[in-house]
Amino acid sequence: LVSGVDNAVQAIKNRLLTRLGEMDWCYENYGTESNQQIGETDLATAEATIELCDTIALLQEPRVEDIYSVSVKIEQPNTIIEDLTIKLIDEDKTTNLIIKKEV
């Protein structure tokens, strides 16, 4: 079992690794559309779209108080590396997360 910051980090990773609609049977609007962006357009546009999709998902996460940055880099062939700087509810300092998605 995890609690505190570790629990919040786990919840954020779960949300960003879940496809939007995949959990509709129990959570409405849970997840992100970012996993579907690779191959749809050029890399720069895909990275910008993923940043937007994941920012929207983070805004829906009740443990996130503020988002300072979301940076995305697509590595070939199908890997998304995200660098997030966020402020969690009830925390004084920011939290940095690096999430690697295989799509």
N, C-alpha and C. Protein backbone atom coordinates (compact mmCIF):
# COMPACT_ATOMS: atom_id res chain seq x y z
N LEU A 1 0.84 -1.19 0.00
CA LEU A 1 0.00 0.00 0.00
C LEU A 1 0.88 1.24 0.00
N VAL A 2 0.45 2.25 -0.72
CA VAL A 2 1.15 3.52 -0.74
C VAL A 2 0.21 4.63 -0.27
N SER A 3 0.80 5.68 0.28
CA SER A 3 -0.01 6.81 0.73
C SER A 3 0.75 8.10 0.46
N GLY A 4 0.10 9.21 0.73
CA GLY A 4 0.74 10.51 0.57
C GLY A 4 1.16 10.78 -0.86
N VAL A 5 2.37 11.33 -1.02
CA VAL A 5 2.89 11.69 -2.34
C VAL A 5 3.01 10.46 -3.24
N ASP A 6 3.45 9.34 -2.68
CA ASP A 6 3.58 8.12 -3.48
C ASP A 6 2.24 7.69 -4.06
N ASN A 7 1.18 7.82 -3.30
CA ASN A 7 -0.15 7.48 -3.78
C ASN A 7 -0.58 8.43 -4.90
N ALA A 8 -0.32 9.71 -4.74
CA ALA A 8 -0.69 10.70 -5.76
C ALA A 8 0.09 10.45 -7.05
N VAL A 9 1.37 10.17 -6.93
CA VAL A 9 2.20 9.88 -8.10
C VAL A 9 1.67 8.64 -8.83
N GLN A 10 1.33 7.61 -8.08
CA GLN A 10 0.79 6.39 -8.66
C GLN A 10 -0.53 6.68 -9.39
N ALA A 11 -1.39 7.48 -8.80
CA ALA A 11 -2.67 7.83 -9.41
C ALA A 11 -2.47 8.61 -10.71
N ILE A 12 -1.52 9.53 -10.71
CA ILE A 12 -1.24 10.33 -11.90
C ILE A 12 -0.70 9.45 -13.02
N LYS A 13 0.25 8.58 -12.68
CA LYS A 13 0.79 7.66 -13.69
C LYS A 13 -0.31 6.77 -14.26
N ASN A 14 -1.16 6.25 -13.40
CA ASN A 14 -2.25 5.39 -13.88
C ASN A 14 -3.16 6.15 -14.84
N ARG A 15 -3.49 7.39 -14.52
CA ARG A 15 -4.37 8.19 -15.38
C ARG A 15 -3.71 8.44 -16.74
N LEU A 16 -2.41 8.75 -16.73
CA LEU A 16 -1.73 9.08 -17.98
C LEU A 16 -1.36 7.85 -18.81
N LEU A 17 -1.40 6.68 -18.21
CA LEU A 17 -1.12 5.45 -18.95
C LEU A 17 -2.39 4.75 -19.43
N THR A 18 -3.55 5.30 -19.06
CA THR A 18 -4.84 4.69 -19.43
C THR A 18 -5.44 5.44 -20.62
N ARG A 19 -5.89 4.70 -21.62
CA ARG A 19 -6.56 5.32 -22.76
C ARG A 19 -7.92 5.89 -22.33
N LEU A 20 -8.23 7.08 -22.80
CA LEU A 20 -9.52 7.70 -22.51
C LEU A 20 -10.63 6.77 -22.98
N GLY A 21 -11.59 6.50 -22.12
CA GLY A 21 -12.71 5.63 -22.43
C GLY A 21 -12.52 4.20 -21.99
N GLU A 22 -11.29 3.81 -21.70
CA GLU A 22 -11.00 2.44 -21.32
C GLU A 22 -11.64 2.06 -19.99
N MET A 23 -11.85 3.03 -19.11
CA MET A 23 -12.42 2.77 -17.79
C MET A 23 -13.82 3.36 -17.64
N ASP A 24 -14.49 3.66 -18.75
CA ASP A 24 -15.82 4.29 -18.68
C ASP A 24 -16.84 3.47 -17.91
N TRP A 25 -16.64 2.18 -17.81
CA TRP A 25 -17.58 1.35 -17.07
C TRP A 25 -17.60 1.69 -15.59
N CYS A 26 -16.51 2.34 -15.09
CA CYS A 26 -16.50 2.71 -13.67
C CYS A 26 -16.07 4.15 -13.40
N TYR A 27 -15.36 4.80 -14.35
CA TYR A 27 -14.91 6.19 -14.18
C TYR A 27 -15.12 6.94 -15.47
N GLU A 28 -15.98 7.93 -15.44
CA GLU A 28 -16.25 8.73 -16.63
C GLU A 28 -15.09 9.68 -16.90
N ASN A 29 -14.68 9.79 -18.16
CA ASN A 29 -13.61 10.69 -18.60
C ASN A 29 -12.27 10.43 -17.91
N TYR A 30 -11.97 9.19 -17.60
CA TYR A 30 -10.70 8.83 -16.97
C TYR A 30 -9.72 8.42 -18.05
N GLY A 31 -8.51 8.95 -17.99
CA GLY A 31 -7.47 8.59 -18.94
C GLY A 31 -7.13 9.75 -19.85
N THR A 32 -6.43 9.44 -20.94
CA THR A 32 -5.98 10.46 -21.87
C THR A 32 -6.00 9.92 -23.30
N GLU A 33 -6.15 10.82 -24.26
CA GLU A 33 -6.12 10.45 -25.67
C GLU A 33 -4.70 10.46 -26.23
N SER A 34 -3.71 10.78 -25.40
CA SER A 34 -2.35 10.95 -25.90
C SER A 34 -1.77 9.68 -26.51
N ASN A 35 -2.21 8.52 -26.04
CA ASN A 35 -1.67 7.26 -26.55
C ASN A 35 -2.01 7.03 -28.02
N GLN A 36 -2.96 7.76 -28.55
CA GLN A 36 -3.42 7.55 -29.92
C GLN A 36 -2.83 8.55 -30.90
N GLN A 37 -1.88 9.38 -30.49
CA GLN A 37 -1.39 10.46 -31.34
C GLN A 37 -0.23 10.08 -32.25
N ILE A 38 0.56 9.09 -31.86
CA ILE A 38 1.70 8.70 -32.68
C ILE A 38 1.21 8.11 -33.99
N GLY A 39 1.77 8.58 -35.09
CA GLY A 39 1.40 8.08 -36.41
C GLY A 39 0.28 8.86 -37.06
N GLU A 40 -0.33 9.77 -36.32
CA GLU A 40 -1.43 10.56 -36.87
C GLU A 40 -0.94 11.79 -37.63
N THR A 41 0.27 12.28 -37.31
CA THR A 41 0.79 13.50 -37.91
C THR A 41 2.31 13.52 -37.74
N ASP A 42 2.93 14.65 -38.01
CA ASP A 42 4.39 14.75 -37.82
C ASP A 42 4.72 14.76 -36.33
N LEU A 43 5.97 14.50 -35.99
CA LEU A 43 6.37 14.36 -34.59
C LEU A 43 6.14 15.62 -33.76
N ALA A 44 6.47 16.79 -34.29
CA ALA A 44 6.30 18.03 -33.52
C ALA A 44 4.83 18.27 -33.17
N THR A 45 3.95 18.04 -34.12
CA THR A 45 2.52 18.21 -33.86
C THR A 45 2.02 17.16 -32.88
N ALA A 46 2.48 15.92 -33.04
CA ALA A 46 2.09 14.85 -32.12
C ALA A 46 2.53 15.18 -30.70
N GLU A 47 3.77 15.65 -30.53
CA GLU A 47 4.26 16.00 -29.19
C GLU A 47 3.42 17.11 -28.57
N ALA A 48 3.09 18.14 -29.36
CA ALA A 48 2.26 19.24 -28.84
C ALA A 48 0.86 18.75 -28.48
N THR A 49 0.30 17.87 -29.29
CA THR A 49 -1.04 17.33 -29.02
C THR A 49 -1.03 16.46 -27.76
N ILE A 50 0.02 15.66 -27.59
CA ILE A 50 0.15 14.83 -26.39
C ILE A 50 0.26 15.70 -25.15
N GLU A 51 1.04 16.78 -25.23
CA GLU A 51 1.13 17.72 -24.10
C GLU A 51 -0.24 18.26 -23.74
N LEU A 52 -1.02 18.65 -24.73
CA LEU A 52 -2.37 19.17 -24.50
C LEU A 52 -3.28 18.11 -23.89
N CYS A 53 -3.29 16.92 -24.47
CA CYS A 53 -4.14 15.83 -23.96
C CYS A 53 -3.81 15.50 -22.52
N ASP A 54 -2.52 15.42 -22.21
CA ASP A 54 -2.13 15.05 -20.85
C ASP A 54 -2.32 16.19 -19.86
N THR A 55 -2.22 17.43 -20.31
CA THR A 55 -2.54 18.56 -19.44
C THR A 55 -4.03 18.52 -19.08
N ILE A 56 -4.88 18.23 -20.05
CA ILE A 56 -6.31 18.11 -19.78
C ILE A 56 -6.57 16.98 -18.78
N ALA A 57 -5.89 15.85 -18.95
CA ALA A 57 -6.06 14.73 -18.02
C ALA A 57 -5.59 15.11 -16.62
N LEU A 58 -4.47 15.83 -16.52
CA LEU A 58 -3.95 16.25 -15.21
C LEU A 58 -4.91 17.23 -14.52
N LEU A 59 -5.55 18.09 -15.30
CA LEU A 59 -6.51 19.03 -14.71
C LEU A 59 -7.71 18.32 -14.09
N GLN A 60 -7.99 17.11 -14.54
CA GLN A 60 -9.10 16.34 -14.00
C GLN A 60 -8.69 15.50 -12.79
N GLU A 61 -7.40 15.43 -12.51
CA GLU A 61 -6.91 14.63 -11.39
C GLU A 61 -7.07 15.42 -10.09
N PRO A 62 -7.89 14.94 -9.14
CA PRO A 62 -8.15 15.70 -7.92
C PRO A 62 -6.93 15.89 -7.02
N ARG A 63 -5.87 15.12 -7.20
CA ARG A 63 -4.67 15.26 -6.37
C ARG A 63 -3.73 16.35 -6.87
N VAL A 64 -3.97 16.88 -8.08
CA VAL A 64 -3.11 17.90 -8.68
C VAL A 64 -3.70 19.28 -8.40
N GLU A 65 -2.89 20.12 -7.77
CA GLU A 65 -3.31 21.50 -7.49
C GLU A 65 -2.93 22.44 -8.62
N ASP A 66 -1.72 22.26 -9.19
CA ASP A 66 -1.25 23.16 -10.24
C ASP A 66 -0.31 22.40 -11.16
N ILE A 67 -0.26 22.82 -12.41
CA ILE A 67 0.63 22.22 -13.41
C ILE A 67 1.60 23.31 -13.85
N TYR A 68 2.89 23.06 -13.65
CA TYR A 68 3.91 24.03 -14.05
C TYR A 68 4.46 23.75 -15.43
N SER A 69 4.65 22.47 -15.77
CA SER A 69 5.12 22.15 -17.11
C SER A 69 4.79 20.70 -17.47
N VAL A 70 4.54 20.52 -18.75
CA VAL A 70 4.37 19.19 -19.34
C VAL A 70 5.21 19.20 -20.61
N SER A 71 6.25 18.40 -20.63
CA SER A 71 7.13 18.34 -21.78
C SER A 71 7.13 16.92 -22.33
N VAL A 72 7.00 16.80 -23.65
CA VAL A 72 6.88 15.49 -24.28
C VAL A 72 7.95 15.33 -25.34
N LYS A 73 8.54 14.15 -25.37
CA LYS A 73 9.50 13.79 -26.43
C LYS A 73 9.12 12.40 -26.93
N ILE A 74 8.94 12.26 -28.24
CA ILE A 74 8.65 10.97 -28.83
C ILE A 74 9.96 10.37 -29.30
N GLU A 75 10.22 9.16 -28.82
CA GLU A 75 11.39 8.42 -29.26
C GLU A 75 10.91 7.28 -30.14
N GLN A 76 11.63 7.03 -31.19
CA GLN A 76 11.22 5.97 -32.12
C GLN A 76 11.47 4.61 -31.53
N PRO A 77 10.69 3.61 -31.84
CA PRO A 77 9.58 3.73 -32.77
C PRO A 77 8.29 4.17 -32.09
N ASN A 78 8.01 3.74 -30.86
CA ASN A 78 6.70 4.02 -30.26
C ASN A 78 6.81 4.30 -28.77
N THR A 79 7.69 5.20 -28.39
CA THR A 79 7.87 5.50 -26.98
C THR A 79 7.67 7.00 -26.75
N ILE A 80 6.87 7.31 -25.74
CA ILE A 80 6.64 8.70 -25.34
C ILE A 80 7.30 8.89 -23.99
N ILE A 81 8.16 9.90 -23.88
CA ILE A 81 8.78 10.27 -22.61
C ILE A 81 8.18 11.61 -22.18
N GLU A 82 7.60 11.63 -20.98
CA GLU A 82 6.98 12.86 -20.47
C GLU A 82 7.70 13.32 -19.21
N ASP A 83 7.97 14.61 -19.17
CA ASP A 83 8.58 15.23 -18.00
C ASP A 83 7.56 16.23 -17.46
N LEU A 84 7.05 15.95 -16.26
CA LEU A 84 5.99 16.77 -15.65
C LEU A 84 6.52 17.47 -14.41
N THR A 85 6.15 18.71 -14.24
CA THR A 85 6.38 19.42 -12.99
C THR A 85 5.02 19.91 -12.52
N ILE A 86 4.60 19.39 -11.37
CA ILE A 86 3.26 19.68 -10.85
C ILE A 86 3.33 19.98 -9.36
N LYS A 87 2.26 20.59 -8.86
CA LYS A 87 2.11 20.78 -7.42
C LYS A 87 0.91 19.96 -6.99
N LEU A 88 1.14 19.11 -6.02
CA LEU A 88 0.09 18.26 -5.50
C LEU A 88 -0.67 18.98 -4.39
N ILE A 89 -1.91 18.61 -4.20
CA ILE A 89 -2.73 19.15 -3.11
C ILE A 89 -2.02 18.87 -1.78
N ASP A 90 -2.02 19.84 -0.90
CA ASP A 90 -1.46 19.71 0.45
C ASP A 90 0.05 19.50 0.49
N GLU A 91 0.76 19.82 -0.59
CA GLU A 91 2.22 19.73 -0.60
C GLU A 91 2.79 21.12 -0.79
N ASP A 92 3.91 21.40 -0.12
CA ASP A 92 4.55 22.71 -0.21
C ASP A 92 5.44 22.85 -1.44
N LYS A 93 6.03 21.76 -1.88
CA LYS A 93 6.98 21.83 -2.99
C LYS A 93 6.39 21.16 -4.23
N THR A 94 7.03 21.43 -5.37
CA THR A 94 6.59 20.81 -6.61
C THR A 94 7.12 19.37 -6.70
N THR A 95 6.47 18.61 -7.53
CA THR A 95 6.87 17.22 -7.77
C THR A 95 7.23 17.08 -9.24
N ASN A 96 8.37 16.46 -9.50
CA ASN A 96 8.80 16.19 -10.86
C ASN A 96 8.57 14.71 -11.17
N LEU A 97 7.93 14.42 -12.28
CA LEU A 97 7.69 13.04 -12.69
C LEU A 97 8.20 12.83 -14.11
N ILE A 98 8.79 11.70 -14.34
CA ILE A 98 9.14 11.30 -15.69
C ILE A 98 8.39 10.00 -15.96
N ILE A 99 7.57 10.02 -17.01
CA ILE A 99 6.74 8.87 -17.33
C ILE A 99 7.12 8.40 -18.73
N LYS A 100 7.33 7.11 -18.86
CA LYS A 100 7.66 6.50 -20.14
C LYS A 100 6.48 5.64 -20.57
N LYS A 101 5.94 5.94 -21.75
CA LYS A 101 4.80 5.21 -22.28
C LYS A 101 5.24 4.45 -23.53
N GLU A 102 4.95 3.19 -23.56
CA GLU A 102 5.15 2.38 -24.75
C GLU A 102 3.78 2.27 -25.43
N VAL A 103 3.69 2.76 -26.67
CA VAL A 103 2.40 2.72 -27.38
C VAL A 103 2.50 1.92 -28.66
